[in-house]
Amino acid sequence: MRFGRQSLLLPLIVFFWVCVTIADMEKTSFDGLAGIIDCVIEQPETAPRGWALVLHPHPLHGGARDNKIVTTIARACLQDGLVAVRPNFRGVGESQGQFDKAVGETHDMRELVRQFVQRYPEAAAGKWVLAGFSFGTSVAAQLYSIMEEERRNAAGAAPKAGQAGVQSDSGAHPVPDALILVGSAVERFKFRDIAVPEDTLLVHGEVDEVVPLSEAMDFARSHGLPLTIVPDGSHFFHGKLIMLRKLVQDRLLALWA
């Protein structure tokens, strides 16, 4: 059997790509309310112009930071020059604590944001994106709501302070510049009032077998949001990841318009 030069080079190319990927990935941890938050942080090839926090599906049903929807969103963010942050929720991987129906998980993520801003000031000074898939959408939406409430309270008599992407004089952290919810299960784990921005990217599979499309429609209707439906898309977007990545990329592109 004869091998061409390309066949001989392919293993070396794959090896080099893997090494570069590993070199750009940092395994770290943050301090949550129940203990350590196990986390992976990936750096873009160029100087970061912001960061993205991408949250995974249900911890009791195999959800983890390496979920393919989570990594698809994270890769799109990396390609757009954002640092990608993928934590494990309580009880997943090396993260401490037990599943808390989005309550503890949301407050853990608030702590992660505080610590990330202090630890990575260059990335935190740019745009930031908050994204979630399935269970992660409930944490993301409620984290956004908490931060928006903090922004309003911090602004007080000075409403121009603390606008999205801008830190107020009080030291309150900025709210995300973009919110992305995929396979929305926000209402299933709701523990507080929810306020999401009108430009939220809400994506759902047409034939989602876990969270029916009608449920996503109800959420979109109650918050006045447009809903992007992926034809024949299942909950895990089998065979539709390229389409999903393109939708995320288009939303990210709007950040720099």
C-alpha atoms as a PDB file:
ATOM      1  CA  MET A   1       0.000   0.000   0.000  1.00  0.00           C
ATOM      2  CA  ARG A   2       1.427   3.386  -0.991  1.00  0.00           C
ATOM      3  CA  PHE A   3       0.947   6.556   1.013  1.00  0.00           C
ATOM      4  CA  GLY A   4       1.119  10.021  -0.496  1.00  0.00           C
ATOM      5  CA  ARG A   5       2.861  12.967   1.123  1.00  0.00           C
ATOM      6  CA  GLN A   6      -0.483  14.357   2.305  1.00  0.00           C
ATOM      7  CA  SER A   7      -1.289  11.088   4.095  1.00  0.00           C
ATOM      8  CA  LEU A   8       2.034  11.211   5.927  1.00  0.00           C
ATOM      9  CA  LEU A   9       1.581  14.855   6.920  1.00  0.00           C
ATOM     10  CA  LEU A  10      -1.976  14.465   8.188  1.00  0.00           C
ATOM     11  CA  PRO A  11      -1.060  12.907  11.589  1.00  0.00           C
ATOM     12  CA  LEU A  12       1.478  15.702  12.152  1.00  0.00           C
ATOM     13  CA  ILE A  13      -1.114  18.364  11.321  1.00  0.00           C
ATOM     14  CA  VAL A  14      -3.630  16.791  13.692  1.00  0.00           C
ATOM     15  CA  PHE A  15      -0.981  16.523  16.424  1.00  0.00           C
ATOM     16  CA  PHE A  16      -0.013  20.182  15.983  1.00  0.00           C
ATOM     17  CA  TRP A  17      -3.670  21.280  16.085  1.00  0.00           C
ATOM     18  CA  VAL A  18      -4.275  19.324  19.290  1.00  0.00           C
ATOM     19  CA  CYS A  19      -1.182  20.797  20.924  1.00  0.00           C
ATOM     20  CA  VAL A  20      -2.205  24.330  20.029  1.00  0.00           C
ATOM     21  CA  THR A  21      -5.715  23.703  21.355  1.00  0.00           C
ATOM     22  CA  ILE A  22      -4.403  22.342  24.652  1.00  0.00           C
ATOM     23  CA  ALA A  23      -1.937  25.236  24.969  1.00  0.00           C
ATOM     24  CA  ASP A  24      -4.792  27.753  24.654  1.00  0.00           C
ATOM     25  CA  MET A  25      -6.928  26.007  27.255  1.00  0.00           C
ATOM     26  CA  GLU A  26      -6.573  26.711  30.966  1.00  0.00           C
ATOM     27  CA  LYS A  27      -8.155  24.524  33.599  1.00  0.00           C
ATOM     28  CA  THR A  28      -8.888  26.638  36.649  1.00  0.00           C
ATOM     29  CA  SER A  29     -11.409  27.154  39.420  1.00  0.00           C
ATOM     30  CA  PHE A  30     -13.445  29.874  41.067  1.00  0.00           C
ATOM     31  CA  ASP A  31     -14.988  30.044  44.524  1.00  0.00           C
ATOM     32  CA  GLY A  32     -18.730  29.423  44.555  1.00  0.00           C
ATOM     33  CA  LEU A  33     -21.120  29.538  47.480  1.00  0.00           C
ATOM     34  CA  ALA A  34     -20.913  25.746  47.842  1.00  0.00           C
ATOM     35  CA  GLY A  35     -17.188  25.445  47.196  1.00  0.00           C
ATOM     36  CA  ILE A  36     -14.994  25.145  44.129  1.00  0.00           C
ATOM     37  CA  ILE A  37     -16.391  25.847  40.641  1.00  0.00           C
ATOM     38  CA  ASP A  38     -14.464  23.652  38.205  1.00  0.00           C
ATOM     39  CA  CYS A  39     -13.868  25.618  35.018  1.00  0.00           C
ATOM     40  CA  VAL A  40     -12.110  25.698  31.647  1.00  0.00           C
ATOM     41  CA  ILE A  41     -11.026  28.963  30.050  1.00  0.00           C
ATOM     42  CA  GLU A  42     -10.044  29.116  26.388  1.00  0.00           C
ATOM     43  CA  GLN A  43      -8.151  32.010  24.821  1.00  0.00           C
ATOM     44  CA  PRO A  44      -8.678  33.240  21.251  1.00  0.00           C
ATOM     45  CA  GLU A  45      -5.739  33.272  18.824  1.00  0.00           C
ATOM     46  CA  THR A  46      -5.615  37.074  18.866  1.00  0.00           C
ATOM     47  CA  ALA A  47      -5.739  39.577  21.730  1.00  0.00           C
ATOM     48  CA  PRO A  48      -9.123  39.135  23.421  1.00  0.00           C
ATOM     49  CA  ARG A  49     -11.770  41.744  22.789  1.00  0.00           C
ATOM     50  CA  GLY A  50     -14.174  40.409  25.399  1.00  0.00           C
ATOM     51  CA  TRP A  51     -15.377  37.190  26.958  1.00  0.00           C
ATOM     52  CA  ALA A  52     -18.227  34.704  26.970  1.00  0.00           C
ATOM     53  CA  LEU A  53     -19.700  32.652  29.807  1.00  0.00           C
ATOM     54  CA  VAL A  54     -21.352  29.520  28.372  1.00  0.00           C
ATOM     55  CA  LEU A  55     -23.539  27.391  30.658  1.00  0.00           C
ATOM     56  CA  HIS A  56     -24.324  23.694  30.274  1.00  0.00           C
ATOM     57  CA  PRO A  57     -27.516  21.560  30.474  1.00  0.00           C
ATOM     58  CA  HIS A  58     -29.040  19.685  33.431  1.00  0.00           C
ATOM     59  CA  PRO A  59     -26.374  18.315  35.817  1.00  0.00           C
ATOM     60  CA  LEU A  60     -28.501  15.307  36.798  1.00  0.00           C
ATOM     61  CA  HIS A  61     -28.975  14.231  33.181  1.00  0.00           C
ATOM     62  CA  GLY A  62     -25.377  14.169  32.010  1.00  0.00           C
ATOM     63  CA  GLY A  63     -25.012  17.900  31.455  1.00  0.00           C
ATOM     64  CA  ALA A  64     -21.431  19.182  31.638  1.00  0.00           C
ATOM     65  CA  ARG A  65     -19.211  21.883  30.167  1.00  0.00           C
ATOM     66  CA  ASP A  66     -18.088  19.545  27.346  1.00  0.00           C
ATOM     67  CA  ASN A  67     -21.619  19.215  25.970  1.00  0.00           C
ATOM     68  CA  LYS A  68     -21.537  19.649  22.182  1.00  0.00           C
ATOM     69  CA  ILE A  69     -23.962  22.596  22.168  1.00  0.00           C
ATOM     70  CA  VAL A  70     -21.887  24.358  24.808  1.00  0.00           C
ATOM     71  CA  THR A  71     -18.648  23.778  22.917  1.00  0.00           C
ATOM     72  CA  THR A  72     -20.257  24.865  19.635  1.00  0.00           C
ATOM     73  CA  ILE A  73     -21.265  28.192  21.185  1.00  0.00           C
ATOM     74  CA  ALA A  74     -17.862  28.545  22.844  1.00  0.00           C
ATOM     75  CA  ARG A  75     -15.997  27.917  19.565  1.00  0.00           C
ATOM     76  CA  ALA A  76     -18.070  30.581  17.818  1.00  0.00           C
ATOM     77  CA  CYS A  77     -17.145  33.024  20.584  1.00  0.00           C
ATOM     78  CA  LEU A  78     -13.464  32.108  20.348  1.00  0.00           C
ATOM     79  CA  GLN A  79     -13.492  32.709  16.611  1.00  0.00           C
ATOM     80  CA  ASP A  80     -14.950  36.134  17.281  1.00  0.00           C
ATOM     81  CA  GLY A  81     -12.060  37.040  19.596  1.00  0.00           C
ATOM     82  CA  LEU A  82     -13.761  36.321  22.924  1.00  0.00           C
ATOM     83  CA  VAL A  83     -12.304  34.395  25.836  1.00  0.00           C
ATOM     84  CA  ALA A  84     -14.593  31.382  26.341  1.00  0.00           C
ATOM     85  CA  VAL A  85     -15.418  30.383  29.923  1.00  0.00           C
ATOM     86  CA  ARG A  86     -17.080  26.992  30.465  1.00  0.00           C
ATOM     87  CA  PRO A  87     -17.772  26.089  34.112  1.00  0.00           C
ATOM     88  CA  ASN A  88     -19.220  22.909  35.538  1.00  0.00           C
ATOM     89  CA  PHE A  89     -22.224  23.390  37.795  1.00  0.00           C
ATOM     90  CA  ARG A  90     -22.441  21.994  41.317  1.00  0.00           C
ATOM     91  CA  GLY A  91     -21.726  18.278  41.558  1.00  0.00           C
ATOM     92  CA  VAL A  92     -20.327  18.010  38.020  1.00  0.00           C
ATOM     93  CA  GLY A  93     -16.656  17.199  37.426  1.00  0.00           C
ATOM     94  CA  GLU A  94     -14.627  18.700  40.255  1.00  0.00           C
ATOM     95  CA  SER A  95     -17.213  21.331  41.145  1.00  0.00           C
ATOM     96  CA  GLN A  96     -18.371  21.033  44.730  1.00  0.00           C
ATOM     97  CA  GLY A  97     -21.905  21.103  46.093  1.00  0.00           C
ATOM     98  CA  GLN A  98     -25.174  19.483  45.047  1.00  0.00           C
ATOM     99  CA  PHE A  99     -27.779  20.287  42.427  1.00  0.00           C
ATOM    100  CA  ASP A 100     -29.876  23.240  43.596  1.00  0.00           C
ATOM    101  CA  LYS A 101     -32.553  23.661  40.896  1.00  0.00           C
ATOM    102  CA  ALA A 102     -30.802  26.715  39.413  1.00  0.00           C
ATOM    103  CA  VAL A 103     -30.886  28.763  42.633  1.00  0.00           C
ATOM    104  CA  GLY A 104     -27.414  27.991  43.953  1.00  0.00           C
ATOM    105  CA  GLU A 105     -26.057  27.604  40.428  1.00  0.00           C
ATOM    106  CA  THR A 106     -27.158  31.121  39.513  1.00  0.00           C
ATOM    107  CA  HIS A 107     -25.559  32.654  42.602  1.00  0.00           C
ATOM    108  CA  ASP A 108     -22.402  30.627  41.964  1.00  0.00           C
ATOM    109  CA  MET A 109     -22.198  32.143  38.480  1.00  0.00           C
ATOM    110  CA  ARG A 110     -22.602  35.623  39.957  1.00  0.00           C
ATOM    111  CA  GLU A 111     -19.557  34.909  42.107  1.00  0.00           C
ATOM    112  CA  LEU A 112     -17.673  33.598  39.093  1.00  0.00           C
ATOM    113  CA  VAL A 113     -18.373  36.837  37.202  1.00  0.00           C
ATOM    114  CA  ARG A 114     -17.033  38.943  40.089  1.00  0.00           C
ATOM    115  CA  GLN A 115     -13.857  36.882  40.285  1.00  0.00           C
ATOM    116  CA  PHE A 116     -13.324  36.676  36.529  1.00  0.00           C
ATOM    117  CA  VAL A 117     -13.494  40.470  36.209  1.00  0.00           C
ATOM    118  CA  GLN A 118     -10.770  40.806  38.840  1.00  0.00           C
ATOM    119  CA  ARG A 119      -8.608  37.985  37.502  1.00  0.00           C
ATOM    120  CA  TYR A 120      -8.852  38.773  33.771  1.00  0.00           C
ATOM    121  CA  PRO A 121      -9.256  42.575  33.527  1.00  0.00           C
ATOM    122  CA  GLU A 122      -8.186  42.766  29.877  1.00  0.00           C
ATOM    123  CA  ALA A 123     -10.910  40.418  28.676  1.00  0.00           C
ATOM    124  CA  ALA A 124     -13.459  41.822  31.140  1.00  0.00           C
ATOM    125  CA  ALA A 125     -12.904  45.333  29.763  1.00  0.00           C
ATOM    126  CA  GLY A 126     -14.361  44.291  26.414  1.00  0.00           C
ATOM    127  CA  LYS A 127     -17.742  42.989  25.322  1.00  0.00           C
ATOM    128  CA  TRP A 128     -19.218  40.092  27.200  1.00  0.00           C
ATOM    129  CA  VAL A 129     -21.654  37.423  26.180  1.00  0.00           C
ATOM    130  CA  LEU A 130     -23.803  35.247  28.436  1.00  0.00           C
ATOM    131  CA  ALA A 131     -25.080  32.032  26.879  1.00  0.00           C
ATOM    132  CA  GLY A 132     -26.843  28.910  28.073  1.00  0.00           C
ATOM    133  CA  PHE A 133     -28.241  25.668  26.726  1.00  0.00           C
ATOM    134  CA  SER A 134     -31.301  23.890  28.193  1.00  0.00           C
ATOM    135  CA  PHE A 135     -30.982  24.042  32.007  1.00  0.00           C
ATOM    136  CA  GLY A 136     -28.203  26.557  31.428  1.00  0.00           C
ATOM    137  CA  THR A 137     -30.701  28.985  29.889  1.00  0.00           C
ATOM    138  CA  SER A 138     -32.526  29.256  33.208  1.00  0.00           C
ATOM    139  CA  VAL A 139     -29.310  30.072  35.047  1.00  0.00           C
ATOM    140  CA  ALA A 140     -28.267  32.516  32.314  1.00  0.00           C
ATOM    141  CA  ALA A 141     -31.611  34.348  32.209  1.00  0.00           C
ATOM    142  CA  GLN A 142     -31.798  34.683  35.972  1.00  0.00           C
ATOM    143  CA  LEU A 143     -28.150  35.728  36.248  1.00  0.00           C
ATOM    144  CA  TYR A 144     -28.832  38.427  33.664  1.00  0.00           C
ATOM    145  CA  SER A 145     -31.888  39.527  35.655  1.00  0.00           C
ATOM    146  CA  ILE A 146     -29.894  39.744  38.881  1.00  0.00           C
ATOM    147  CA  MET A 147     -27.175  41.802  37.233  1.00  0.00           C
ATOM    148  CA  GLU A 148     -29.681  44.103  35.561  1.00  0.00           C
ATOM    149  CA  GLU A 149     -31.349  44.643  38.934  1.00  0.00           C
ATOM    150  CA  GLU A 150     -27.960  45.416  40.470  1.00  0.00           C
ATOM    151  CA  ARG A 151     -27.262  47.870  37.657  1.00  0.00           C
ATOM    152  CA  ARG A 152     -30.515  49.724  38.246  1.00  0.00           C
ATOM    153  CA  ASN A 153     -29.950  49.852  41.995  1.00  0.00           C
ATOM    154  CA  ALA A 154     -26.371  51.046  41.545  1.00  0.00           C
ATOM    155  CA  ALA A 155     -27.408  53.697  39.058  1.00  0.00           C
ATOM    156  CA  GLY A 156     -29.829  55.220  41.572  1.00  0.00           C
ATOM    157  CA  ALA A 157     -30.147  58.908  40.840  1.00  0.00           C
ATOM    158  CA  ALA A 158     -27.667  58.632  37.980  1.00  0.00           C
ATOM    159  CA  PRO A 159     -29.462  56.485  35.383  1.00  0.00           C
ATOM    160  CA  LYS A 160     -26.764  57.010  32.759  1.00  0.00           C
ATOM    161  CA  ALA A 161     -24.240  55.116  34.852  1.00  0.00           C
ATOM    162  CA  GLY A 162     -23.941  51.356  34.573  1.00  0.00           C
ATOM    163  CA  GLN A 163     -25.431  50.983  31.094  1.00  0.00           C
ATOM    164  CA  ALA A 164     -24.878  47.635  29.380  1.00  0.00           C
ATOM    165  CA  GLY A 165     -21.169  47.074  28.934  1.00  0.00           C
ATOM    166  CA  VAL A 166     -20.262  50.087  31.119  1.00  0.00           C
ATOM    167  CA  GLN A 167     -19.211  49.932  34.752  1.00  0.00           C
ATOM    168  CA  SER A 168     -20.965  52.416  37.019  1.00  0.00           C
ATOM    169  CA  ASP A 169     -19.218  54.686  39.505  1.00  0.00           C
ATOM    170  CA  SER A 170     -20.506  52.500  42.331  1.00  0.00           C
ATOM    171  CA  GLY A 171     -18.384  49.585  41.144  1.00  0.00           C
ATOM    172  CA  ALA A 172     -21.317  47.461  39.967  1.00  0.00           C
ATOM    173  CA  HIS A 173     -20.325  45.106  37.190  1.00  0.00           C
ATOM    174  CA  PRO A 174     -21.795  45.644  33.724  1.00  0.00           C
ATOM    175  CA  VAL A 175     -24.639  43.516  32.456  1.00  0.00           C
ATOM    176  CA  PRO A 176     -23.887  41.263  29.463  1.00  0.00           C
ATOM    177  CA  ASP A 177     -23.776  42.863  26.028  1.00  0.00           C
ATOM    178  CA  ALA A 178     -25.553  39.844  24.557  1.00  0.00           C
ATOM    179  CA  LEU A 179     -27.739  37.048  25.914  1.00  0.00           C
ATOM    180  CA  ILE A 180     -28.024  33.765  23.991  1.00  0.00           C
ATOM    181  CA  LEU A 181     -30.558  31.105  25.026  1.00  0.00           C
ATOM    182  CA  VAL A 182     -30.594  27.782  23.147  1.00  0.00           C
ATOM    183  CA  GLY A 183     -33.205  25.096  23.842  1.00  0.00           C
ATOM    184  CA  SER A 184     -34.800  27.351  26.428  1.00  0.00           C
ATOM    185  CA  ALA A 185     -35.945  25.777  29.699  1.00  0.00           C
ATOM    186  CA  VAL A 186     -36.018  29.048  31.635  1.00  0.00           C
ATOM    187  CA  GLU A 187     -39.472  28.647  33.166  1.00  0.00           C
ATOM    188  CA  ARG A 188     -38.822  25.124  34.433  1.00  0.00           C
ATOM    189  CA  PHE A 189     -36.296  26.365  36.989  1.00  0.00           C
ATOM    190  CA  LYS A 190     -37.514  29.895  37.585  1.00  0.00           C
ATOM    191  CA  PHE A 191     -37.085  31.180  41.152  1.00  0.00           C
ATOM    192  CA  ARG A 192     -37.314  34.949  40.609  1.00  0.00           C
ATOM    193  CA  ASP A 193     -38.685  37.573  38.238  1.00  0.00           C
ATOM    194  CA  ILE A 194     -36.965  37.499  34.884  1.00  0.00           C
ATOM    195  CA  ALA A 195     -36.050  40.468  32.709  1.00  0.00           C
ATOM    196  CA  VAL A 196     -34.166  39.779  29.486  1.00  0.00           C
ATOM    197  CA  PRO A 197     -33.072  42.220  26.750  1.00  0.00           C
ATOM    198  CA  GLU A 198     -35.173  42.631  23.634  1.00  0.00           C
ATOM    199  CA  ASP A 199     -32.240  41.556  21.439  1.00  0.00           C
ATOM    200  CA  THR A 200     -31.877  38.183  23.183  1.00  0.00           C
ATOM    201  CA  LEU A 201     -31.026  35.417  20.713  1.00  0.00           C
ATOM    202  CA  LEU A 202     -33.575  32.682  21.426  1.00  0.00           C
ATOM    203  CA  VAL A 203     -33.036  29.497  19.382  1.00  0.00           C
ATOM    204  CA  HIS A 204     -35.124  26.331  19.523  1.00  0.00           C
ATOM    205  CA  GLY A 205     -35.384  23.101  17.574  1.00  0.00           C
ATOM    206  CA  GLU A 206     -38.642  22.511  15.716  1.00  0.00           C
ATOM    207  CA  VAL A 207     -38.986  18.958  17.004  1.00  0.00           C
ATOM    208  CA  ASP A 208     -37.363  19.375  20.427  1.00  0.00           C
ATOM    209  CA  GLU A 209     -38.247  16.207  22.335  1.00  0.00           C
ATOM    210  CA  VAL A 210     -37.210  17.533  25.761  1.00  0.00           C
ATOM    211  CA  VAL A 211     -38.571  21.079  25.808  1.00  0.00           C
ATOM    212  CA  PRO A 212     -41.533  21.323  23.408  1.00  0.00           C
ATOM    213  CA  LEU A 213     -41.496  24.177  20.918  1.00  0.00           C
ATOM    214  CA  SER A 214     -44.756  25.442  22.418  1.00  0.00           C
ATOM    215  CA  GLU A 215     -42.946  26.027  25.725  1.00  0.00           C
ATOM    216  CA  ALA A 216     -40.309  28.141  24.005  1.00  0.00           C
ATOM    217  CA  MET A 217     -43.053  30.026  22.176  1.00  0.00           C
ATOM    218  CA  ASP A 218     -44.769  30.807  25.478  1.00  0.00           C
ATOM    219  CA  PHE A 219     -41.523  32.147  26.922  1.00  0.00           C
ATOM    220  CA  ALA A 220     -40.840  34.249  23.824  1.00  0.00           C
ATOM    221  CA  ARG A 221     -44.385  35.619  23.835  1.00  0.00           C
ATOM    222  CA  SER A 222     -44.334  36.541  27.521  1.00  0.00           C
ATOM    223  CA  HIS A 223     -41.085  38.493  27.110  1.00  0.00           C
ATOM    224  CA  GLY A 224     -41.751  40.008  23.695  1.00  0.00           C
ATOM    225  CA  LEU A 225     -38.868  38.168  22.048  1.00  0.00           C
ATOM    226  CA  PRO A 226     -38.408  36.859  18.517  1.00  0.00           C
ATOM    227  CA  LEU A 227     -37.813  33.111  18.360  1.00  0.00           C
ATOM    228  CA  THR A 228     -35.511  31.488  15.811  1.00  0.00           C
ATOM    229  CA  ILE A 229     -36.701  27.968  14.953  1.00  0.00           C
ATOM    230  CA  VAL A 230     -34.277  25.441  13.458  1.00  0.00           C
ATOM    231  CA  PRO A 231     -36.261  23.220  11.042  1.00  0.00           C
ATOM    232  CA  ASP A 232     -36.219  19.545  12.084  1.00  0.00           C
ATOM    233  CA  GLY A 233     -33.954  20.488  14.985  1.00  0.00           C
ATOM    234  CA  SER A 234     -34.017  18.213  18.045  1.00  0.00           C
ATOM    235  CA  HIS A 235     -33.152  19.296  21.581  1.00  0.00           C
ATOM    236  CA  PHE A 236     -29.500  18.470  20.984  1.00  0.00           C
ATOM    237  CA  PHE A 237     -29.554  19.849  17.423  1.00  0.00           C
ATOM    238  CA  HIS A 238     -28.361  16.600  15.853  1.00  0.00           C
ATOM    239  CA  GLY A 239     -27.075  17.411  12.375  1.00  0.00           C
ATOM    240  CA  LYS A 240     -27.815  21.117  12.933  1.00  0.00           C
ATOM    241  CA  LEU A 241     -24.711  22.313  14.775  1.00  0.00           C
ATOM    242  CA  ILE A 242     -23.342  24.193  11.770  1.00  0.00           C
ATOM    243  CA  MET A 243     -26.622  26.092  11.483  1.00  0.00           C
ATOM    244  CA  LEU A 244     -26.589  26.821  15.210  1.00  0.00           C
ATOM    245  CA  ARG A 245     -23.005  28.079  15.057  1.00  0.00           C
ATOM    246  CA  LYS A 246     -23.925  30.400  12.178  1.00  0.00           C
ATOM    247  CA  LEU A 247     -26.822  31.851  14.191  1.00  0.00           C
ATOM    248  CA  VAL A 248     -24.489  32.527  17.114  1.00  0.00           C
ATOM    249  CA  GLN A 249     -21.862  34.049  14.828  1.00  0.00           C
ATOM    250  CA  ASP A 250     -24.437  36.385  13.305  1.00  0.00           C
ATOM    251  CA  ARG A 251     -25.479  37.560  16.771  1.00  0.00           C
ATOM    252  CA  LEU A 252     -21.873  38.140  17.772  1.00  0.00           C
ATOM    253  CA  LEU A 253     -21.260  40.123  14.599  1.00  0.00           C
ATOM    254  CA  ALA A 254     -23.901  42.600  15.754  1.00  0.00           C
ATOM    255  CA  LEU A 255     -21.789  43.382  18.840  1.00  0.00           C
ATOM    256  CA  TRP A 256     -19.292  45.224  16.697  1.00  0.00           C
ATOM    257  CA  ALA A 257     -21.756  46.963  14.370  1.00  0.00           C
END
